[in-house]
Amino acid sequence: MSDKIITLPYFHGRAEDAYHIKEEISQLEGGVVAVDLPDGLGEEIIKAVEKLPRISVIADEMGRAIPITPNDPAIEAVRSSLE
Protein backbone atom coordinates (compact mmCIF):
# COMPACT_ATOMS: atom_id res chain seq x y z
CA MET A 1 0.00 0.00 0.00
CA SER A 2 1.22 3.44 -0.88
CA ASP A 3 1.58 6.35 1.54
CA LYS A 4 -0.02 8.53 -1.11
CA ILE A 5 -3.16 10.48 -0.15
CA ILE A 6 -5.50 11.74 -2.85
CA THR A 7 -8.26 14.24 -2.17
CA LEU A 8 -11.08 14.68 -4.64
CA PRO A 9 -13.14 17.87 -4.34
CA TYR A 10 -16.73 17.77 -5.58
CA PHE A 11 -20.14 19.43 -5.52
CA HIS A 12 -23.13 17.40 -4.31
CA GLY A 13 -25.54 16.36 -7.04
CA ARG A 14 -23.12 17.05 -9.86
CA ALA A 15 -23.00 14.04 -12.20
CA GLU A 16 -19.68 15.11 -13.76
CA ASP A 17 -18.03 15.00 -10.34
CA ALA A 18 -19.61 11.60 -9.61
CA TYR A 19 -18.10 10.26 -12.85
CA HIS A 20 -14.68 11.67 -11.93
CA ILE A 21 -14.88 10.08 -8.45
CA LYS A 22 -15.83 6.71 -9.99
CA GLU A 23 -12.89 6.86 -12.41
CA GLU A 24 -10.38 7.78 -9.70
CA ILE A 25 -11.56 5.07 -7.29
CA SER A 26 -11.51 2.44 -10.06
CA GLN A 27 -7.79 3.16 -10.53
CA LEU A 28 -6.92 2.57 -6.87
CA GLU A 29 -5.05 -0.62 -6.11
CA GLY A 30 -6.07 -1.51 -2.59
CA GLY A 31 -6.09 1.36 -0.19
CA VAL A 32 -8.82 3.05 1.76
CA VAL A 33 -11.60 5.38 0.68
CA ALA A 34 -12.81 7.92 3.24
CA VAL A 35 -16.14 9.66 2.65
CA ASP A 36 -17.58 12.40 4.84
CA LEU A 37 -21.08 11.16 5.74
CA PRO A 38 -23.64 12.69 8.11
CA ASP A 39 -22.94 11.66 11.70
CA GLY A 40 -24.59 8.38 12.70
CA LEU A 41 -26.04 7.62 9.26
CA GLY A 42 -23.17 5.66 7.73
CA GLU A 43 -24.80 2.24 7.97
CA GLU A 44 -28.15 3.51 6.66
CA ILE A 45 -26.42 5.20 3.74
CA ILE A 46 -24.47 2.05 2.89
CA LYS A 47 -27.69 -0.03 2.93
CA ALA A 48 -29.37 2.50 0.63
CA VAL A 49 -26.35 2.59 -1.69
CA GLU A 50 -26.49 -1.19 -2.00
CA LYS A 51 -30.07 -0.80 -3.34
CA LEU A 52 -29.03 1.52 -6.18
CA PRO A 53 -30.15 2.17 -8.89
CA ARG A 54 -33.28 2.38 -6.73
CA ILE A 55 -33.24 5.94 -5.35
CA SER A 56 -33.77 6.39 -1.60
CA VAL A 57 -34.10 9.28 0.83
CA ILE A 58 -32.81 9.11 4.39
CA ALA A 59 -33.87 11.64 7.03
CA ASP A 60 -31.45 12.68 9.76
CA GLU A 61 -32.43 13.47 13.37
CA MET A 62 -33.14 17.09 12.39
CA GLY A 63 -35.54 15.99 9.65
CA ARG A 64 -33.25 16.94 6.78
CA ALA A 65 -33.56 14.74 3.71
CA ILE A 66 -30.45 13.05 2.33
CA PRO A 67 -31.08 11.76 -1.20
CA ILE A 68 -29.24 8.59 -2.18
CA THR A 69 -28.82 9.03 -5.91
CA PRO A 70 -26.17 7.70 -8.30
CA ASN A 71 -25.36 11.20 -9.59
CA ASP A 72 -24.07 12.42 -6.21
CA PRO A 73 -20.28 12.20 -5.91
CA ALA A 74 -20.27 11.21 -2.20
CA ILE A 75 -22.79 8.44 -2.89
CA GLU A 76 -20.76 7.32 -5.91
CA ALA A 77 -17.64 7.21 -3.73
CA VAL A 78 -19.43 4.91 -1.29
CA ARG A 79 -20.81 2.75 -4.12
CA SER A 80 -17.47 2.47 -5.92
CA SER A 81 -15.60 1.63 -2.73
CA LEU A 82 -18.03 -1.22 -2.02
CA GLU A 83 -17.35 -2.88 -5.39
PDB file of N, CA and C in Angstrom:
ATOM      1  N   MET A   1       0.844  -1.180   0.000  1.00  0.00           N
ATOM      2  CA  MET A   1       0.000   0.000   0.000  1.00  0.00           C
ATOM      3  C   MET A   1       0.885   1.239   0.000  1.00  0.00           C
ATOM      4  N   SER A   2       0.473   2.201  -0.748  1.00  0.00           N
ATOM      5  CA  SER A   2       1.225   3.445  -0.877  1.00  0.00           C
ATOM      6  C   SER A   2       0.896   4.402   0.259  1.00  0.00           C
ATOM      7  N   ASP A   3       1.828   5.302   0.547  1.00  0.00           N
ATOM      8  CA  ASP A   3       1.575   6.345   1.542  1.00  0.00           C
ATOM      9  C   ASP A   3       0.915   7.560   0.890  1.00  0.00           C
ATOM     10  N   LYS A   4       0.561   7.434  -0.351  1.00  0.00           N
ATOM     11  CA  LYS A   4      -0.016   8.525  -1.113  1.00  0.00           C
ATOM     12  C   LYS A   4      -1.457   8.794  -0.675  1.00  0.00           C
ATOM     13  N   ILE A   5      -1.798  10.072  -0.493  1.00  0.00           N
ATOM     14  CA  ILE A   5      -3.159  10.484  -0.149  1.00  0.00           C
ATOM     15  C   ILE A   5      -3.679  11.344  -1.296  1.00  0.00           C
ATOM     16  N   ILE A   6      -4.867  10.997  -1.764  1.00  0.00           N
ATOM     17  CA  ILE A   6      -5.498  11.735  -2.851  1.00  0.00           C
ATOM     18  C   ILE A   6      -6.788  12.339  -2.322  1.00  0.00           C
ATOM     19  N   THR A   7      -6.992  13.613  -2.531  1.00  0.00           N
ATOM     20  CA  THR A   7      -8.260  14.244  -2.171  1.00  0.00           C
ATOM     21  C   THR A   7      -8.985  14.614  -3.463  1.00  0.00           C
ATOM     22  N   LEU A   8     -10.280  14.409  -3.448  1.00  0.00           N
ATOM     23  CA  LEU A   8     -11.077  14.682  -4.638  1.00  0.00           C
ATOM     24  C   LEU A   8     -12.216  15.637  -4.283  1.00  0.00           C
ATOM     25  N   PRO A   9     -12.072  16.909  -4.626  1.00  0.00           N
ATOM     26  CA  PRO A   9     -13.138  17.865  -4.335  1.00  0.00           C
ATOM     27  C   PRO A   9     -14.329  17.623  -5.262  1.00  0.00           C
ATOM     28  N   TYR A  10     -15.532  17.965  -4.780  1.00  0.00           N
ATOM     29  CA  TYR A  10     -16.729  17.772  -5.581  1.00  0.00           C
ATOM     30  C   TYR A  10     -17.857  18.662  -5.071  1.00  0.00           C
ATOM     31  N   PHE A  11     -18.901  18.765  -5.892  1.00  0.00           N
ATOM     32  CA  PHE A  11     -20.141  19.432  -5.519  1.00  0.00           C
ATOM     33  C   PHE A  11     -21.234  18.380  -5.486  1.00  0.00           C
ATOM     34  N   HIS A  12     -22.034  18.361  -4.408  1.00  0.00           N
ATOM     35  CA  HIS A  12     -23.134  17.399  -4.305  1.00  0.00           C
ATOM     36  C   HIS A  12     -24.089  17.538  -5.482  1.00  0.00           C
ATOM     37  N   GLY A  13     -24.550  16.388  -5.974  1.00  0.00           N
ATOM     38  CA  GLY A  13     -25.538  16.365  -7.041  1.00  0.00           C
ATOM     39  C   GLY A  13     -24.990  16.618  -8.429  1.00  0.00           C
ATOM     40  N   ARG A  14     -23.708  16.759  -8.554  1.00  0.00           N
ATOM     41  CA  ARG A  14     -23.120  17.052  -9.865  1.00  0.00           C
ATOM     42  C   ARG A  14     -22.617  15.761 -10.507  1.00  0.00           C
ATOM     43  N   ALA A  15     -23.291  15.327 -11.556  1.00  0.00           N
ATOM     44  CA  ALA A  15     -22.997  14.044 -12.203  1.00  0.00           C
ATOM     45  C   ALA A  15     -21.569  13.983 -12.738  1.00  0.00           C
ATOM     46  N   GLU A  16     -21.051  15.097 -13.236  1.00  0.00           N
ATOM     47  CA  GLU A  16     -19.681  15.108 -13.761  1.00  0.00           C
ATOM     48  C   GLU A  16     -18.678  14.776 -12.665  1.00  0.00           C
ATOM     49  N   ASP A  17     -18.921  15.292 -11.468  1.00  0.00           N
ATOM     50  CA  ASP A  17     -18.033  14.998 -10.344  1.00  0.00           C
ATOM     51  C   ASP A  17     -18.172  13.542  -9.917  1.00  0.00           C
ATOM     52  N   ALA A  18     -19.395  13.005  -9.954  1.00  0.00           N
ATOM     53  CA  ALA A  18     -19.607  11.596  -9.610  1.00  0.00           C
ATOM     54  C   ALA A  18     -18.828  10.698 -10.570  1.00  0.00           C
ATOM     55  N   TYR A  19     -18.851  11.034 -11.854  1.00  0.00           N
ATOM     56  CA  TYR A  19     -18.105  10.264 -12.850  1.00  0.00           C
ATOM     57  C   TYR A  19     -16.608  10.311 -12.551  1.00  0.00           C
ATOM     58  N   HIS A  20     -16.101  11.500 -12.237  1.00  0.00           N
ATOM     59  CA  HIS A  20     -14.678  11.672 -11.927  1.00  0.00           C
ATOM     60  C   HIS A  20     -14.292  10.842 -10.686  1.00  0.00           C
ATOM     61  N   ILE A  21     -15.131  10.866  -9.666  1.00  0.00           N
ATOM     62  CA  ILE A  21     -14.883  10.077  -8.454  1.00  0.00           C
ATOM     63  C   ILE A  21     -14.819   8.597  -8.799  1.00  0.00           C
ATOM     64  N   LYS A  22     -15.794   8.130  -9.593  1.00  0.00           N
ATOM     65  CA  LYS A  22     -15.830   6.712  -9.988  1.00  0.00           C
ATOM     66  C   LYS A  22     -14.552   6.315 -10.715  1.00  0.00           C
ATOM     67  N   GLU A  23     -14.118   7.150 -11.655  1.00  0.00           N
ATOM     68  CA  GLU A  23     -12.895   6.862 -12.415  1.00  0.00           C
ATOM     69  C   GLU A  23     -11.663   6.811 -11.504  1.00  0.00           C
ATOM     70  N   GLU A  24     -11.530   7.745 -10.607  1.00  0.00           N
ATOM     71  CA  GLU A  24     -10.376   7.778  -9.703  1.00  0.00           C
ATOM     72  C   GLU A  24     -10.356   6.563  -8.773  1.00  0.00           C
ATOM     73  N   ILE A  25     -11.507   6.211  -8.209  1.00  0.00           N
ATOM     74  CA  ILE A  25     -11.559   5.071  -7.290  1.00  0.00           C
ATOM     75  C   ILE A  25     -11.280   3.771  -8.044  1.00  0.00           C
ATOM     76  N   SER A  26     -11.740   3.668  -9.285  1.00  0.00           N
ATOM     77  CA  SER A  26     -11.506   2.439 -10.060  1.00  0.00           C
ATOM     78  C   SER A  26     -10.019   2.222 -10.336  1.00  0.00           C
ATOM     79  N   GLN A  27      -9.223   3.274 -10.276  1.00  0.00           N
ATOM     80  CA  GLN A  27      -7.785   3.157 -10.530  1.00  0.00           C
ATOM     81  C   GLN A  27      -6.977   2.844  -9.270  1.00  0.00           C
ATOM     82  N   LEU A  28      -7.624   2.882  -8.117  1.00  0.00           N
ATOM     83  CA  LEU A  28      -6.920   2.567  -6.870  1.00  0.00           C
ATOM     84  C   LEU A  28      -6.595   1.084  -6.812  1.00  0.00           C
ATOM     85  N   GLU A  29      -5.447   0.775  -6.318  1.00  0.00           N
ATOM     86  CA  GLU A  29      -5.055  -0.620  -6.112  1.00  0.00           C
ATOM     87  C   GLU A  29      -4.966  -0.829  -4.612  1.00  0.00           C
ATOM     88  N   GLY A  30      -6.032  -1.382  -4.048  1.00  0.00           N
ATOM     89  CA  GLY A  30      -6.075  -1.511  -2.592  1.00  0.00           C
ATOM     90  C   GLY A  30      -6.353  -0.143  -1.999  1.00  0.00           C
ATOM     91  N   GLY A  31      -5.922   0.056  -0.799  1.00  0.00           N
ATOM     92  CA  GLY A  31      -6.086   1.363  -0.189  1.00  0.00           C
ATOM     93  C   GLY A  31      -7.414   1.526   0.524  1.00  0.00           C
ATOM     94  N   VAL A  32      -7.646   2.715   0.971  1.00  0.00           N
ATOM     95  CA  VAL A  32      -8.821   3.045   1.764  1.00  0.00           C
ATOM     96  C   VAL A  32      -9.503   4.253   1.143  1.00  0.00           C
ATOM     97  N   VAL A  33     -10.826   4.233   1.150  1.00  0.00           N
ATOM     98  CA  VAL A  33     -11.602   5.381   0.680  1.00  0.00           C
ATOM     99  C   VAL A  33     -12.327   5.958   1.891  1.00  0.00           C
ATOM    100  N   ALA A  34     -12.132   7.238   2.140  1.00  0.00           N
ATOM    101  CA  ALA A  34     -12.809   7.921   3.242  1.00  0.00           C
ATOM    102  C   ALA A  34     -13.826   8.895   2.650  1.00  0.00           C
ATOM    103  N   VAL A  35     -15.064   8.798   3.136  1.00  0.00           N
ATOM    104  CA  VAL A  35     -16.136   9.662   2.646  1.00  0.00           C
ATOM    105  C   VAL A  35     -16.776  10.334   3.852  1.00  0.00           C
ATOM    106  N   ASP A  36     -16.944  11.632   3.771  1.00  0.00           N
ATOM    107  CA  ASP A  36     -17.585  12.396   4.842  1.00  0.00           C
ATOM    108  C   ASP A  36     -19.092  12.207   4.751  1.00  0.00           C
ATOM    109  N   LEU A  37     -19.648  11.439   5.696  1.00  0.00           N
ATOM    110  CA  LEU A  37     -21.081  11.165   5.736  1.00  0.00           C
ATOM    111  C   LEU A  37     -21.686  11.821   6.973  1.00  0.00           C
ATOM    112  N   PRO A  38     -22.989  12.112   6.933  1.00  0.00           N
ATOM    113  CA  PRO A  38     -23.636  12.692   8.110  1.00  0.00           C
ATOM    114  C   PRO A  38     -23.462  11.786   9.332  1.00  0.00           C
ATOM    115  N   ASP A  39     -23.207  12.379  10.459  1.00  0.00           N
ATOM    116  CA  ASP A  39     -22.944  11.658  11.704  1.00  0.00           C
ATOM    117  C   ASP A  39     -24.055  10.660  12.029  1.00  0.00           C
ATOM    118  N   GLY A  40     -23.661   9.416  12.264  1.00  0.00           N
ATOM    119  CA  GLY A  40     -24.592   8.384  12.696  1.00  0.00           C
ATOM    120  C   GLY A  40     -25.419   7.752  11.594  1.00  0.00           C
ATOM    121  N   LEU A  41     -25.228   8.162  10.350  1.00  0.00           N
ATOM    122  CA  LEU A  41     -26.039   7.619   9.263  1.00  0.00           C
ATOM    123  C   LEU A  41     -25.255   6.733   8.304  1.00  0.00           C
ATOM    124  N   GLY A  42     -24.014   6.447   8.632  1.00  0.00           N
ATOM    125  CA  GLY A  42     -23.165   5.665   7.734  1.00  0.00           C
ATOM    126  C   GLY A  42     -23.763   4.338   7.325  1.00  0.00           C
ATOM    127  N   GLU A  43     -24.246   3.558   8.289  1.00  0.00           N
ATOM    128  CA  GLU A  43     -24.800   2.240   7.973  1.00  0.00           C
ATOM    129  C   GLU A  43     -26.060   2.354   7.128  1.00  0.00           C
ATOM    130  N   GLU A  44     -26.924   3.313   7.443  1.00  0.00           N
ATOM    131  CA  GLU A  44     -28.147   3.510   6.662  1.00  0.00           C
ATOM    132  C   GLU A  44     -27.816   3.915   5.229  1.00  0.00           C
ATOM    133  N   ILE A  45     -26.816   4.763   5.076  1.00  0.00           N
ATOM    134  CA  ILE A  45     -26.419   5.198   3.740  1.00  0.00           C
ATOM    135  C   ILE A  45     -25.848   4.027   2.956  1.00  0.00           C
ATOM    136  N   ILE A  46     -25.023   3.213   3.576  1.00  0.00           N
ATOM    137  CA  ILE A  46     -24.465   2.049   2.886  1.00  0.00           C
ATOM    138  C   ILE A  46     -25.585   1.098   2.442  1.00  0.00           C
ATOM    139  N   LYS A  47     -26.561   0.842   3.304  1.00  0.00           N
ATOM    140  CA  LYS A  47     -27.690  -0.025   2.930  1.00  0.00           C
ATOM    141  C   LYS A  47     -28.451   0.549   1.741  1.00  0.00           C
ATOM    142  N   ALA A  48     -28.666   1.859   1.746  1.00  0.00           N
ATOM    143  CA  ALA A  48     -29.374   2.504   0.635  1.00  0.00           C
ATOM    144  C   ALA A  48     -28.545   2.461  -0.645  1.00  0.00           C
ATOM    145  N   VAL A  49     -27.238   2.639  -0.523  1.00  0.00           N
ATOM    146  CA  VAL A  49     -26.352   2.590  -1.691  1.00  0.00           C
ATOM    147  C   VAL A  49     -26.381   1.196  -2.304  1.00  0.00           C
ATOM    148  N   GLU A  50     -26.447   0.179  -1.487  1.00  0.00           N
ATOM    149  CA  GLU A  50     -26.492  -1.195  -1.999  1.00  0.00           C
ATOM    150  C   GLU A  50     -27.772  -1.467  -2.781  1.00  0.00           C
ATOM    151  N   LYS A  51     -28.806  -0.644  -2.616  1.00  0.00           N
ATOM    152  CA  LYS A  51     -30.069  -0.800  -3.339  1.00  0.00           C
ATOM    153  C   LYS A  51     -30.097  -0.036  -4.660  1.00  0.00           C
ATOM    154  N   LEU A  52     -29.059   0.780  -4.923  1.00  0.00           N
ATOM    155  CA  LEU A  52     -29.025   1.519  -6.185  1.00  0.00           C
ATOM    156  C   LEU A  52     -29.082   0.543  -7.351  1.00  0.00           C
ATOM    157  N   PRO A  53     -29.742   0.852  -8.438  1.00  0.00           N
ATOM    158  CA  PRO A  53     -30.152   2.170  -8.888  1.00  0.00           C
ATOM    159  C   PRO A  53     -31.466   2.670  -8.289  1.00  0.00           C
ATOM    160  N   ARG A  54     -32.071   1.892  -7.409  1.00  0.00           N
ATOM    161  CA  ARG A  54     -33.284   2.383  -6.728  1.00  0.00           C
ATOM    162  C   ARG A  54     -32.902   3.589  -5.860  1.00  0.00           C
ATOM    163  N   ILE A  55     -33.551   4.711  -6.076  1.00  0.00           N
ATOM    164  CA  ILE A  55     -33.241   5.939  -5.352  1.00  0.00           C
ATOM    165  C   ILE A  55     -33.946   5.923  -3.997  1.00  0.00           C
ATOM    166  N   SER A  56     -33.233   6.348  -2.956  1.00  0.00           N
ATOM    167  CA  SER A  56     -33.770   6.387  -1.602  1.00  0.00           C
ATOM    168  C   SER A  56     -33.583   7.781  -1.020  1.00  0.00           C
ATOM    169  N   VAL A  57     -34.292   8.044   0.058  1.00  0.00           N
ATOM    170  CA  VAL A  57     -34.099   9.278   0.826  1.00  0.00           C
ATOM    171  C   VAL A  57     -34.021   8.876   2.292  1.00  0.00           C
ATOM    172  N   ILE A  58     -33.006   9.371   2.968  1.00  0.00           N
ATOM    173  CA  ILE A  58     -32.812   9.114   4.391  1.00  0.00           C
ATOM    174  C   ILE A  58     -32.996  10.444   5.111  1.00  0.00           C
ATOM    175  N   ALA A  59     -33.692  10.419   6.236  1.00  0.00           N
ATOM    176  CA  ALA A  59     -33.868  11.635   7.034  1.00  0.00           C
ATOM    177  C   ALA A  59     -32.969  11.552   8.266  1.00  0.00           C
ATOM    178  N   ASP A  60     -32.275  12.645   8.553  1.00  0.00           N
ATOM    179  CA  ASP A  60     -31.450  12.677   9.758  1.00  0.00           C
ATOM    180  C   ASP A  60     -32.306  13.086  10.953  1.00  0.00           C
ATOM    181  N   GLU A  61     -31.688  13.173  12.132  1.00  0.00           N
ATOM    182  CA  GLU A  61     -32.427  13.472  13.365  1.00  0.00           C
ATOM    183  C   GLU A  61     -33.055  14.871  13.360  1.00  0.00           C
ATOM    184  N   MET A  62     -32.580  15.737  12.484  1.00  0.00           N
ATOM    185  CA  MET A  62     -33.140  17.087  12.386  1.00  0.00           C
ATOM    186  C   MET A  62     -34.207  17.170  11.295  1.00  0.00           C
ATOM    187  N   GLY A  63     -34.521  16.030  10.679  1.00  0.00           N
ATOM    188  CA  GLY A  63     -35.540  15.993   9.651  1.00  0.00           C
ATOM    189  C   GLY A  63     -35.071  16.410   8.269  1.00  0.00           C
ATOM    190  N   ARG A  64     -33.771  16.570   8.102  1.00  0.00           N
ATOM    191  CA  ARG A  64     -33.247  16.938   6.783  1.00  0.00           C
ATOM    192  C   ARG A  64     -33.197  15.692   5.907  1.00  0.00           C
ATOM    193  N   ALA A  65     -33.554  15.855   4.649  1.00  0.00           N
ATOM    194  CA  ALA A  65     -33.558  14.737   3.707  1.00  0.00           C
ATOM    195  C   ALA A  65     -32.190  14.592   3.056  1.00  0.00           C
ATOM    196  N   ILE A  66     -31.718  13.361   2.983  1.00  0.00           N
ATOM    197  CA  ILE A  66     -30.450  13.050   2.327  1.00  0.00           C
ATOM    198  C   ILE A  66     -30.773  12.107   1.175  1.00  0.00           C
ATOM    199  N   PRO A  67     -30.770  12.625  -0.062  1.00  0.00           N
ATOM    200  CA  PRO A  67     -31.085  11.763  -1.203  1.00  0.00           C
ATOM    201  C   PRO A  67     -29.918  10.827  -1.528  1.00  0.00           C
ATOM    202  N   ILE A  68     -30.250   9.588  -1.793  1.00  0.00           N
ATOM    203  CA  ILE A  68     -29.241   8.590  -2.176  1.00  0.00           C
ATOM    204  C   ILE A  68     -29.440   8.342  -3.662  1.00  0.00           C
ATOM    205  N   THR A  69     -28.694   9.089  -4.461  1.00  0.00           N
ATOM    206  CA  THR A  69     -28.818   9.028  -5.913  1.00  0.00           C
ATOM    207  C   THR A  69     -27.461   8.745  -6.540  1.00  0.00           C
ATOM    208  N   PRO A  70     -27.447   8.052  -7.681  1.00  0.00           N
ATOM    209  CA  PRO A  70     -26.168   7.703  -8.299  1.00  0.00           C
ATOM    210  C   PRO A  70     -25.414   8.888  -8.887  1.00  0.00           C
ATOM    211  N   ASN A  71     -26.069  10.048  -9.025  1.00  0.00           N
ATOM    212  CA  ASN A  71     -25.362  11.197  -9.593  1.00  0.00           C
ATOM    213  C   ASN A  71     -24.681  12.059  -8.535  1.00  0.00           C
ATOM    214  N   ASP A  72     -24.745  11.657  -7.261  1.00  0.00           N
ATOM    215  CA  ASP A  72     -24.074  12.415  -6.206  1.00  0.00           C
ATOM    216  C   ASP A  72     -22.669  11.854  -5.993  1.00  0.00           C
ATOM    217  N   PRO A  73     -21.648  12.693  -6.040  1.00  0.00           N
ATOM    218  CA  PRO A  73     -20.277  12.204  -5.910  1.00  0.00           C
ATOM    219  C   PRO A  73     -19.989  11.459  -4.608  1.00  0.00           C
ATOM    220  N   ALA A  74     -20.517  11.920  -3.477  1.00  0.00           N
ATOM    221  CA  ALA A  74     -20.267  11.214  -2.205  1.00  0.00           C
ATOM    222  C   ALA A  74     -20.907   9.835  -2.232  1.00  0.00           C
ATOM    223  N   ILE A  75     -22.104   9.733  -2.786  1.00  0.00           N
ATOM    224  CA  ILE A  75     -22.785   8.444  -2.893  1.00  0.00           C
ATOM    225  C   ILE A  75     -22.034   7.545  -3.863  1.00  0.00           C
ATOM    226  N   GLU A  76     -21.552   8.105  -4.962  1.00  0.00           N
ATOM    227  CA  GLU A  76     -20.756   7.315  -5.914  1.00  0.00           C
ATOM    228  C   GLU A  76     -19.464   6.829  -5.276  1.00  0.00           C
ATOM    229  N   ALA A  77     -18.861   7.634  -4.428  1.00  0.00           N
ATOM    230  CA  ALA A  77     -17.640   7.208  -3.727  1.00  0.00           C
ATOM    231  C   ALA A  77     -17.940   5.999  -2.838  1.00  0.00           C
ATOM    232  N   VAL A  78     -19.053   6.047  -2.133  1.00  0.00           N
ATOM    233  CA  VAL A  78     -19.433   4.907  -1.285  1.00  0.00           C
ATOM    234  C   VAL A  78     -19.687   3.692  -2.173  1.00  0.00           C
ATOM    235  N   ARG A  79     -20.478   3.865  -3.243  1.00  0.00           N
ATOM    236  CA  ARG A  79     -20.813   2.746  -4.120  1.00  0.00           C
ATOM    237  C   ARG A  79     -19.570   2.133  -4.754  1.00  0.00           C
ATOM    238  N   SER A  80     -18.692   2.969  -5.271  1.00  0.00           N
ATOM    239  CA  SER A  80     -17.472   2.473  -5.915  1.00  0.00           C
ATOM    240  C   SER A  80     -16.556   1.767  -4.938  1.00  0.00           C
ATOM    241  N   SER A  81     -16.493   2.258  -3.715  1.00  0.00           N
ATOM    242  CA  SER A  81     -15.600   1.630  -2.735  1.00  0.00           C
ATOM    243  C   SER A  81     -16.136   0.277  -2.263  1.00  0.00           C
ATOM    244  N   LEU A  82     -17.449   0.060  -2.407  1.00  0.00           N
ATOM    245  CA  LEU A  82     -18.027  -1.222  -2.020  1.00  0.00           C
ATOM    246  C   LEU A  82     -17.851  -2.301  -3.080  1.00  0.00           C
ATOM    247  N   GLU A  83     -17.514  -1.897  -4.307  1.00  0.00           N
ATOM    248  CA  GLU A  83     -17.347  -2.876  -5.391  1.00  0.00           C
ATOM    249  C   GLU A  83     -16.109  -3.716  -5.210  1.00  0.00           C
TER     250      GLU A  83
END
